[in-house]
Amino acid sequence: MPNDPAPQPVPPLTPCTGVCRLDSHGYCIGCRRSGEEIGRWRAMSDPERRHVMDVLLPGRRP
């Protein structure tokens, strides 16, 4: 339809909280991602990101 609103951009999928410091186990104290995951994040597909956020991160809570 000609009056449909323009689609809104989807924000990037990320658990980042802006607190970026690795703990003694190598996980960020803000988002709980590993240094490797943080480094690869931009190259990951949405399904890969979703797996990290839904499956891996919940088990890493302090």
Protein backbone atom coordinates (compact mmCIF):
# COMPACT_ATOMS: atom_id res chain seq x y z
CA MET A 1 0.00 0.00 0.00
CA PRO A 2 1.30 3.47 -0.75
CA ASN A 3 0.64 4.76 2.79
CA ASP A 4 2.57 2.02 4.59
CA PRO A 5 5.16 3.46 6.99
CA ALA A 6 8.79 2.94 6.08
CA PRO A 7 10.33 -0.05 7.86
CA GLN A 8 12.28 0.91 10.96
CA PRO A 9 15.90 -0.23 11.18
CA VAL A 10 16.44 -3.16 13.51
CA PRO A 11 18.98 -2.43 16.24
CA PRO A 12 22.01 -4.71 16.26
CA LEU A 13 21.63 -7.86 18.32
CA THR A 14 24.08 -7.52 21.22
CA PRO A 15 24.27 -8.20 24.96
CA CYS A 16 26.78 -5.35 25.42
CA THR A 17 26.13 -3.19 28.48
CA GLY A 18 29.01 -0.78 27.91
CA VAL A 19 30.98 -2.20 30.85
CA CYS A 20 33.94 -3.73 29.04
CA ARG A 21 36.45 -5.44 31.29
CA LEU A 22 37.50 -9.10 31.36
CA ASP A 23 37.41 -11.04 34.62
CA SER A 24 39.95 -13.65 35.72
CA HIS A 25 38.18 -16.29 33.59
CA GLY A 26 38.39 -14.20 30.41
CA TYR A 27 34.72 -13.16 30.35
CA CYS A 28 33.51 -9.58 30.12
CA ILE A 29 32.05 -8.46 33.46
CA GLY A 30 29.33 -6.50 31.62
CA CYS A 31 28.01 -8.94 29.02
CA ARG A 32 29.74 -12.23 30.01
CA ARG A 33 31.05 -12.83 26.46
CA SER A 34 34.55 -14.20 26.01
CA GLY A 35 37.24 -12.08 24.41
CA GLU A 36 36.99 -14.28 21.31
CA GLU A 37 33.20 -13.82 21.09
CA ILE A 38 33.57 -10.05 21.46
CA GLY A 39 36.18 -10.02 18.69
CA ARG A 40 34.06 -12.13 16.33
CA TRP A 41 30.70 -10.48 17.15
CA ARG A 42 30.46 -8.26 14.06
CA ALA A 43 31.21 -11.19 11.75
CA MET A 44 28.69 -13.54 13.40
CA SER A 45 25.33 -14.20 11.79
CA ASP A 46 22.15 -13.41 13.74
CA PRO A 47 21.58 -17.14 14.47
CA GLU A 48 25.13 -17.40 15.86
CA ARG A 49 24.58 -14.33 18.02
CA ARG A 50 21.23 -15.67 19.22
CA HIS A 51 22.92 -18.97 20.21
CA VAL A 52 25.54 -17.12 22.26
CA MET A 53 22.90 -14.95 23.94
CA ASP A 54 20.28 -17.66 24.57
CA VAL A 55 22.43 -20.74 25.25
CA LEU A 56 25.94 -19.76 26.31
CA LEU A 57 25.59 -16.51 28.26
CA PRO A 58 22.93 -17.63 30.77
CA GLY A 59 25.31 -20.29 32.08
CA ARG A 60 28.05 -17.72 32.64
CA ARG A 61 26.33 -15.55 35.20
CA PRO A 62 28.56 -14.82 38.21
